[in-house]
């Protein structure tokens, strides 16, 4: 575990607080009745916590031991597991909703890994179950040579995010500055393109595929939208 992730863990919820739009969409998808939900790359489990409090049966997974520990401490009783995205098929199926937000999908190695993940999610869902994915719109990043995402500045916490674009991958170069110091990290990302992601959904067998630029449901524009959100049904 890198020193960077050890340092960011204690500030994670302040850098990435629960978004009201994200939560509202998840509550709409899960509905008023108790449903079984899988939160992939859950971080500290903030969204899982909110869904659990609404009476849903939630399984939260992450590949970072520190995040898993924090999620368990924050929400006793939450089923939090140390499982990487690549091992999704190791989880018992029967979910009504699976979600993977916060650009986590881009941490997979390549298009084959993305397709495997989408296929595994399909098999874990009940019929009529929903898969929700959010990633950065990498078509916009690559087509316009965009070098980063907006800095997150909460006065005493500053999180800078820069992109160094390679031939097939992106070096995600980030800095976290707190009262305790400044921490630097490099993370390789696979820039999942819109057409390739849609193709993965279709190959897996999903129907009713919808694309949005945000969690309010605004239309996605491949040239201008900062994010891509895909919602589909088994």
C-alpha atoms as a PDB file:
ATOM      1  CA  UNK A   1       0.000   0.000   0.000  1.00  0.00           C
ATOM      2  CA  UNK A   2       1.459   3.342  -1.080  1.00  0.00           C
ATOM      3  CA  UNK A   3       1.993   6.211   1.345  1.00  0.00           C
ATOM      4  CA  UNK A   4      -0.270   8.273  -0.898  1.00  0.00           C
ATOM      5  CA  UNK A   5      -3.309   6.071  -0.287  1.00  0.00           C
ATOM      6  CA  UNK A   6      -2.525   5.863   3.384  1.00  0.00           C
ATOM      7  CA  UNK A   7      -2.518   9.657   3.475  1.00  0.00           C
ATOM      8  CA  UNK A   8      -5.650  10.173   1.394  1.00  0.00           C
ATOM      9  CA  UNK A   9      -7.752   7.673   3.338  1.00  0.00           C
ATOM     10  CA  UNK A  10      -8.354   9.916   6.349  1.00  0.00           C
ATOM     11  CA  UNK A  11      -9.444  12.786   4.073  1.00  0.00           C
ATOM     12  CA  UNK A  12     -11.387  10.721   1.556  1.00  0.00           C
ATOM     13  CA  UNK A  13     -14.864  11.672   2.713  1.00  0.00           C
ATOM     14  CA  UNK A  14     -13.978  15.370   2.678  1.00  0.00           C
ATOM     15  CA  UNK A  15     -12.496  15.199  -0.821  1.00  0.00           C
ATOM     16  CA  UNK A  16     -15.325  13.045  -2.164  1.00  0.00           C
ATOM     17  CA  UNK A  17     -18.437  13.663  -0.053  1.00  0.00           C
ATOM     18  CA  UNK A  18     -21.740  11.952  -0.818  1.00  0.00           C
ATOM     19  CA  UNK A  19     -23.340  13.669  -3.799  1.00  0.00           C
ATOM     20  CA  UNK A  20     -27.039  14.337  -3.480  1.00  0.00           C
ATOM     21  CA  UNK A  21     -27.682  13.711  -7.199  1.00  0.00           C
ATOM     22  CA  UNK A  22     -25.771  10.420  -7.092  1.00  0.00           C
ATOM     23  CA  UNK A  23     -27.640   9.275  -4.010  1.00  0.00           C
ATOM     24  CA  UNK A  24     -31.024  10.290  -5.409  1.00  0.00           C
ATOM     25  CA  UNK A  25     -30.452   8.234  -8.548  1.00  0.00           C
ATOM     26  CA  UNK A  26     -29.335   5.230  -6.509  1.00  0.00           C
ATOM     27  CA  UNK A  27     -32.419   5.528  -4.303  1.00  0.00           C
ATOM     28  CA  UNK A  28     -34.592   5.749  -7.408  1.00  0.00           C
ATOM     29  CA  UNK A  29     -32.993   2.599  -8.838  1.00  0.00           C
ATOM     30  CA  UNK A  30     -33.246   0.624  -5.597  1.00  0.00           C
ATOM     31  CA  UNK A  31     -36.808   1.744  -4.862  1.00  0.00           C
ATOM     32  CA  UNK A  32     -38.736   1.679  -1.570  1.00  0.00           C
ATOM     33  CA  UNK A  33     -38.686  -2.116  -1.161  1.00  0.00           C
ATOM     34  CA  UNK A  34     -35.612  -3.892   0.163  1.00  0.00           C
ATOM     35  CA  UNK A  35     -33.284  -4.856  -2.690  1.00  0.00           C
ATOM     36  CA  UNK A  36     -29.863  -6.459  -2.972  1.00  0.00           C
ATOM     37  CA  UNK A  37     -27.178  -3.985  -4.087  1.00  0.00           C
ATOM     38  CA  UNK A  38     -23.503  -4.319  -5.022  1.00  0.00           C
ATOM     39  CA  UNK A  39     -21.227  -1.281  -4.638  1.00  0.00           C
ATOM     40  CA  UNK A  40     -18.050  -1.846  -6.687  1.00  0.00           C
ATOM     41  CA  UNK A  41     -14.934   0.125  -5.680  1.00  0.00           C
ATOM     42  CA  UNK A  42     -16.813   1.434  -2.662  1.00  0.00           C
ATOM     43  CA  UNK A  43     -14.054   3.554  -1.115  1.00  0.00           C
ATOM     44  CA  UNK A  44     -15.106   4.296   2.458  1.00  0.00           C
ATOM     45  CA  UNK A  45     -18.597   3.000   1.719  1.00  0.00           C
ATOM     46  CA  UNK A  46     -20.536   6.251   1.975  1.00  0.00           C
ATOM     47  CA  UNK A  47     -23.156   5.337  -0.627  1.00  0.00           C
ATOM     48  CA  UNK A  48     -23.431   1.793   0.709  1.00  0.00           C
ATOM     49  CA  UNK A  49     -24.079   3.237   4.149  1.00  0.00           C
ATOM     50  CA  UNK A  50     -26.947   5.394   2.895  1.00  0.00           C
ATOM     51  CA  UNK A  51     -28.522   2.457   1.048  1.00  0.00           C
ATOM     52  CA  UNK A  52     -28.150   0.186   4.059  1.00  0.00           C
ATOM     53  CA  UNK A  53     -29.901   2.769   6.230  1.00  0.00           C
ATOM     54  CA  UNK A  54     -32.791   2.683   3.747  1.00  0.00           C
ATOM     55  CA  UNK A  55     -33.212  -1.027   4.417  1.00  0.00           C
ATOM     56  CA  UNK A  56     -31.406  -2.502   1.420  1.00  0.00           C
ATOM     57  CA  UNK A  57     -29.088  -5.521   1.558  1.00  0.00           C
ATOM     58  CA  UNK A  58     -25.733  -4.139   0.449  1.00  0.00           C
ATOM     59  CA  UNK A  59     -22.440  -5.766  -0.446  1.00  0.00           C
ATOM     60  CA  UNK A  60     -19.554  -3.296  -0.802  1.00  0.00           C
ATOM     61  CA  UNK A  61     -16.215  -4.274  -2.344  1.00  0.00           C
ATOM     62  CA  UNK A  62     -12.878  -2.527  -2.775  1.00  0.00           C
ATOM     63  CA  UNK A  63      -9.310  -3.643  -3.490  1.00  0.00           C
ATOM     64  CA  UNK A  64      -7.751  -1.256  -0.945  1.00  0.00           C
ATOM     65  CA  UNK A  65      -7.420  -2.719   2.584  1.00  0.00           C
ATOM     66  CA  UNK A  66      -7.429   0.717   4.212  1.00  0.00           C
ATOM     67  CA  UNK A  67     -10.650   1.745   2.464  1.00  0.00           C
ATOM     68  CA  UNK A  68     -12.253  -1.555   3.422  1.00  0.00           C
ATOM     69  CA  UNK A  69     -11.248  -1.039   7.057  1.00  0.00           C
ATOM     70  CA  UNK A  70     -12.624   2.510   7.079  1.00  0.00           C
ATOM     71  CA  UNK A  71     -15.889   1.371   5.483  1.00  0.00           C
ATOM     72  CA  UNK A  72     -16.321  -1.323   8.125  1.00  0.00           C
ATOM     73  CA  UNK A  73     -15.573   1.106  10.948  1.00  0.00           C
ATOM     74  CA  UNK A  74     -17.930   3.763   9.592  1.00  0.00           C
ATOM     75  CA  UNK A  75     -20.863   1.407   9.126  1.00  0.00           C
ATOM     76  CA  UNK A  76     -20.932  -1.586  11.477  1.00  0.00           C
ATOM     77  CA  UNK A  77     -23.060  -4.324   9.970  1.00  0.00           C
ATOM     78  CA  UNK A  78     -22.240  -3.390   6.382  1.00  0.00           C
ATOM     79  CA  UNK A  79     -20.985  -6.356   4.344  1.00  0.00           C
ATOM     80  CA  UNK A  80     -17.637  -4.959   3.158  1.00  0.00           C
ATOM     81  CA  UNK A  81     -15.235  -7.241   1.312  1.00  0.00           C
ATOM     82  CA  UNK A  82     -11.659  -6.950   0.091  1.00  0.00           C
ATOM     83  CA  UNK A  83     -12.331  -7.933  -3.524  1.00  0.00           C
ATOM     84  CA  UNK A  84     -10.783  -6.377  -6.649  1.00  0.00           C
ATOM     85  CA  UNK A  85     -12.956  -5.471  -9.617  1.00  0.00           C
ATOM     86  CA  UNK A  86     -11.199  -8.158 -11.624  1.00  0.00           C
ATOM     87  CA  UNK A  87     -12.622 -10.817  -9.286  1.00  0.00           C
ATOM     88  CA  UNK A  88     -16.264  -9.802  -9.574  1.00  0.00           C
ATOM     89  CA  UNK A  89     -17.174 -13.352 -10.579  1.00  0.00           C
ATOM     90  CA  UNK A  90     -16.101 -14.573  -7.115  1.00  0.00           C
ATOM     91  CA  UNK A  91     -19.170 -12.937  -5.541  1.00  0.00           C
ATOM     92  CA  UNK A  92     -22.444 -14.784  -5.214  1.00  0.00           C
ATOM     93  CA  UNK A  93     -25.047 -13.393  -7.606  1.00  0.00           C
ATOM     94  CA  UNK A  94     -28.625 -12.245  -7.284  1.00  0.00           C
ATOM     95  CA  UNK A  95     -28.338  -8.449  -7.232  1.00  0.00           C
ATOM     96  CA  UNK A  96     -31.025  -5.963  -8.187  1.00  0.00           C
ATOM     97  CA  UNK A  97     -28.603  -3.054  -8.657  1.00  0.00           C
ATOM     98  CA  UNK A  98     -24.862  -2.924  -9.266  1.00  0.00           C
ATOM     99  CA  UNK A  99     -23.059   0.407  -9.380  1.00  0.00           C
ATOM    100  CA  UNK A 100     -19.482   1.457 -10.021  1.00  0.00           C
ATOM    101  CA  UNK A 101     -18.986   5.215  -9.927  1.00  0.00           C
ATOM    102  CA  UNK A 102     -16.145   7.688  -9.450  1.00  0.00           C
ATOM    103  CA  UNK A 103     -14.178   6.662 -12.573  1.00  0.00           C
ATOM    104  CA  UNK A 104     -13.204   3.363 -10.973  1.00  0.00           C
ATOM    105  CA  UNK A 105     -13.684   1.431 -14.213  1.00  0.00           C
ATOM    106  CA  UNK A 106     -10.643   3.189 -15.704  1.00  0.00           C
ATOM    107  CA  UNK A 107      -8.431   1.330 -13.227  1.00  0.00           C
ATOM    108  CA  UNK A 108      -8.925  -1.862 -15.199  1.00  0.00           C
ATOM    109  CA  UNK A 109      -6.058  -2.922 -17.427  1.00  0.00           C
ATOM    110  CA  UNK A 110      -7.534  -2.849 -20.928  1.00  0.00           C
ATOM    111  CA  UNK A 111     -10.653  -3.292 -23.050  1.00  0.00           C
ATOM    112  CA  UNK A 112     -10.692  -7.050 -22.459  1.00  0.00           C
ATOM    113  CA  UNK A 113     -10.802  -6.458 -18.702  1.00  0.00           C
ATOM    114  CA  UNK A 114     -13.605  -3.921 -19.135  1.00  0.00           C
ATOM    115  CA  UNK A 115     -15.629  -6.387 -21.195  1.00  0.00           C
ATOM    116  CA  UNK A 116     -15.072  -9.132 -18.633  1.00  0.00           C
ATOM    117  CA  UNK A 117     -16.209  -6.817 -15.834  1.00  0.00           C
ATOM    118  CA  UNK A 118     -19.405  -5.845 -17.673  1.00  0.00           C
ATOM    119  CA  UNK A 119     -20.140  -9.496 -18.494  1.00  0.00           C
ATOM    120  CA  UNK A 120     -19.567 -10.540 -14.889  1.00  0.00           C
ATOM    121  CA  UNK A 121     -21.883  -7.768 -13.673  1.00  0.00           C
ATOM    122  CA  UNK A 122     -24.542  -8.962 -16.111  1.00  0.00           C
ATOM    123  CA  UNK A 123     -24.367 -12.490 -14.716  1.00  0.00           C
ATOM    124  CA  UNK A 124     -24.615 -11.236 -11.117  1.00  0.00           C
ATOM    125  CA  UNK A 125     -27.842  -9.329 -11.779  1.00  0.00           C
ATOM    126  CA  UNK A 126     -31.390 -10.571 -11.499  1.00  0.00           C
ATOM    127  CA  UNK A 127     -33.460 -10.266 -14.661  1.00  0.00           C
ATOM    128  CA  UNK A 128     -34.544  -6.600 -14.908  1.00  0.00           C
ATOM    129  CA  UNK A 129     -31.642  -5.623 -12.641  1.00  0.00           C
ATOM    130  CA  UNK A 130     -29.690  -2.419 -13.341  1.00  0.00           C
ATOM    131  CA  UNK A 131     -26.005  -1.641 -13.869  1.00  0.00           C
ATOM    132  CA  UNK A 132     -24.844   1.946 -13.316  1.00  0.00           C
ATOM    133  CA  UNK A 133     -21.372   3.054 -14.420  1.00  0.00           C
ATOM    134  CA  UNK A 134     -19.720   6.474 -14.205  1.00  0.00           C
ATOM    135  CA  UNK A 135     -16.391   7.325 -15.822  1.00  0.00           C
ATOM    136  CA  UNK A 136     -14.586  10.378 -17.117  1.00  0.00           C
ATOM    137  CA  UNK A 137     -15.472  11.111 -20.756  1.00  0.00           C
ATOM    138  CA  UNK A 138     -12.153  10.024 -22.221  1.00  0.00           C
ATOM    139  CA  UNK A 139     -13.210  10.850 -25.763  1.00  0.00           C
ATOM    140  CA  UNK A 140     -13.215  14.495 -24.714  1.00  0.00           C
ATOM    141  CA  UNK A 141      -9.891  14.114 -22.883  1.00  0.00           C
ATOM    142  CA  UNK A 142      -8.106  12.532 -25.845  1.00  0.00           C
ATOM    143  CA  UNK A 143      -9.716  14.527 -28.641  1.00  0.00           C
ATOM    144  CA  UNK A 144      -9.023  17.876 -27.002  1.00  0.00           C
ATOM    145  CA  UNK A 145      -5.698  17.049 -25.283  1.00  0.00           C
ATOM    146  CA  UNK A 146      -7.116  17.901 -21.868  1.00  0.00           C
ATOM    147  CA  UNK A 147      -4.403  17.673 -19.240  1.00  0.00           C
ATOM    148  CA  UNK A 148      -6.403  17.151 -16.078  1.00  0.00           C
ATOM    149  CA  UNK A 149      -9.548  17.504 -14.021  1.00  0.00           C
ATOM    150  CA  UNK A 150     -10.562  20.541 -11.963  1.00  0.00           C
ATOM    151  CA  UNK A 151      -8.689  20.929  -8.680  1.00  0.00           C
ATOM    152  CA  UNK A 152     -10.707  20.068  -5.581  1.00  0.00           C
ATOM    153  CA  UNK A 153     -10.074  22.864  -3.077  1.00  0.00           C
ATOM    154  CA  UNK A 154     -11.560  22.752   0.413  1.00  0.00           C
ATOM    155  CA  UNK A 155      -9.279  25.420   1.890  1.00  0.00           C
ATOM    156  CA  UNK A 156      -7.208  23.184   4.153  1.00  0.00           C
ATOM    157  CA  UNK A 157      -7.316  20.295   1.639  1.00  0.00           C
ATOM    158  CA  UNK A 158      -6.301  20.662  -2.002  1.00  0.00           C
ATOM    159  CA  UNK A 159      -6.423  17.748  -4.454  1.00  0.00           C
ATOM    160  CA  UNK A 160      -4.804  18.363  -7.856  1.00  0.00           C
ATOM    161  CA  UNK A 161      -5.368  15.952 -10.752  1.00  0.00           C
ATOM    162  CA  UNK A 162      -3.268  15.914 -13.919  1.00  0.00           C
ATOM    163  CA  UNK A 163      -3.272  13.684 -17.000  1.00  0.00           C
ATOM    164  CA  UNK A 164      -0.203  12.710 -19.013  1.00  0.00           C
ATOM    165  CA  UNK A 165      -1.511  11.004 -22.137  1.00  0.00           C
ATOM    166  CA  UNK A 166       0.465   8.087 -23.586  1.00  0.00           C
ATOM    167  CA  UNK A 167      -0.143   5.867 -26.590  1.00  0.00           C
ATOM    168  CA  UNK A 168      -2.717   3.579 -24.970  1.00  0.00           C
ATOM    169  CA  UNK A 169      -2.800   4.584 -21.309  1.00  0.00           C
ATOM    170  CA  UNK A 170      -2.920   7.703 -19.157  1.00  0.00           C
ATOM    171  CA  UNK A 171      -0.610   8.550 -16.279  1.00  0.00           C
ATOM    172  CA  UNK A 172      -2.886  10.049 -13.634  1.00  0.00           C
ATOM    173  CA  UNK A 173      -0.593  12.326 -11.631  1.00  0.00           C
ATOM    174  CA  UNK A 174      -2.165  13.657  -8.452  1.00  0.00           C
ATOM    175  CA  UNK A 175      -1.185  15.746  -5.449  1.00  0.00           C
ATOM    176  CA  UNK A 176      -2.877  15.915  -2.085  1.00  0.00           C
ATOM    177  CA  UNK A 177      -1.953  18.917   0.047  1.00  0.00           C
ATOM    178  CA  UNK A 178      -3.064  19.053   3.680  1.00  0.00           C
ATOM    179  CA  UNK A 179      -1.886  20.706   6.863  1.00  0.00           C
ATOM    180  CA  UNK A 180       0.322  17.647   7.355  1.00  0.00           C
ATOM    181  CA  UNK A 181       2.161  17.951   4.056  1.00  0.00           C
ATOM    182  CA  UNK A 182       1.930  17.280   0.341  1.00  0.00           C
ATOM    183  CA  UNK A 183       1.665  13.781  -1.115  1.00  0.00           C
ATOM    184  CA  UNK A 184       2.215  12.789  -4.723  1.00  0.00           C
ATOM    185  CA  UNK A 185       0.990   9.746  -6.621  1.00  0.00           C
ATOM    186  CA  UNK A 186       1.076   8.256 -10.119  1.00  0.00           C
ATOM    187  CA  UNK A 187      -1.664   5.878 -11.241  1.00  0.00           C
ATOM    188  CA  UNK A 188      -2.022   4.282 -14.668  1.00  0.00           C
ATOM    189  CA  UNK A 189      -5.525   4.562 -16.123  1.00  0.00           C
ATOM    190  CA  UNK A 190      -7.085   2.886 -19.137  1.00  0.00           C
ATOM    191  CA  UNK A 191      -9.056   5.554 -21.071  1.00  0.00           C
ATOM    192  CA  UNK A 192     -12.292   3.708 -21.800  1.00  0.00           C
ATOM    193  CA  UNK A 193     -13.888   5.228 -24.906  1.00  0.00           C
ATOM    194  CA  UNK A 194     -17.642   5.659 -25.252  1.00  0.00           C
ATOM    195  CA  UNK A 195     -18.041   3.399 -28.273  1.00  0.00           C
ATOM    196  CA  UNK A 196     -15.993   0.646 -26.653  1.00  0.00           C
ATOM    197  CA  UNK A 197     -17.953   0.819 -23.410  1.00  0.00           C
ATOM    198  CA  UNK A 198     -21.280   0.719 -25.241  1.00  0.00           C
ATOM    199  CA  UNK A 199     -20.017  -2.250 -27.209  1.00  0.00           C
ATOM    200  CA  UNK A 200     -19.161  -4.050 -23.964  1.00  0.00           C
ATOM    201  CA  UNK A 201     -22.687  -3.470 -22.633  1.00  0.00           C
ATOM    202  CA  UNK A 202     -24.249  -4.736 -25.839  1.00  0.00           C
ATOM    203  CA  UNK A 203     -22.002  -7.808 -26.023  1.00  0.00           C
ATOM    204  CA  UNK A 204     -22.949  -8.713 -22.469  1.00  0.00           C
ATOM    205  CA  UNK A 205     -26.639  -8.612 -23.375  1.00  0.00           C
ATOM    206  CA  UNK A 206     -27.806  -5.430 -21.648  1.00  0.00           C
ATOM    207  CA  UNK A 207     -30.877  -3.626 -22.963  1.00  0.00           C
ATOM    208  CA  UNK A 208     -32.352  -0.160 -22.483  1.00  0.00           C
ATOM    209  CA  UNK A 209     -28.888   1.392 -22.470  1.00  0.00           C
ATOM    210  CA  UNK A 210     -28.993   5.095 -21.537  1.00  0.00           C
ATOM    211  CA  UNK A 211     -26.200   7.672 -21.489  1.00  0.00           C
ATOM    212  CA  UNK A 212     -26.066  10.849 -19.370  1.00  0.00           C
ATOM    213  CA  UNK A 213     -23.477  13.511 -18.603  1.00  0.00           C
ATOM    214  CA  UNK A 214     -24.429  13.762 -14.939  1.00  0.00           C
ATOM    215  CA  UNK A 215     -26.605  12.164 -12.289  1.00  0.00           C
ATOM    216  CA  UNK A 216     -29.434  14.588 -12.997  1.00  0.00           C
ATOM    217  CA  UNK A 217     -30.050  12.799 -16.291  1.00  0.00           C
ATOM    218  CA  UNK A 218     -28.854  15.504 -18.693  1.00  0.00           C
ATOM    219  CA  UNK A 219     -27.997  14.325 -22.199  1.00  0.00           C
ATOM    220  CA  UNK A 220     -24.470  13.145 -22.889  1.00  0.00           C
ATOM    221  CA  UNK A 221     -22.365  14.965 -25.504  1.00  0.00           C
ATOM    222  CA  UNK A 222     -19.207  13.142 -26.503  1.00  0.00           C
ATOM    223  CA  UNK A 223     -17.385  16.424 -27.252  1.00  0.00           C
ATOM    224  CA  UNK A 224     -18.340  18.525 -24.238  1.00  0.00           C
ATOM    225  CA  UNK A 225     -19.510  16.336 -21.341  1.00  0.00           C
ATOM    226  CA  UNK A 226     -16.956  15.934 -18.561  1.00  0.00           C
ATOM    227  CA  UNK A 227     -18.364  12.582 -17.467  1.00  0.00           C
ATOM    228  CA  UNK A 228     -20.133   9.614 -19.027  1.00  0.00           C
ATOM    229  CA  UNK A 229     -22.797   7.788 -17.058  1.00  0.00           C
ATOM    230  CA  UNK A 230     -24.317   4.615 -18.446  1.00  0.00           C
ATOM    231  CA  UNK A 231     -27.428   2.968 -17.026  1.00  0.00           C
ATOM    232  CA  UNK A 232     -28.616  -0.323 -18.461  1.00  0.00           C
ATOM    233  CA  UNK A 233     -30.981  -3.202 -17.679  1.00  0.00           C
ATOM    234  CA  UNK A 234     -30.464  -6.950 -17.824  1.00  0.00           C
END
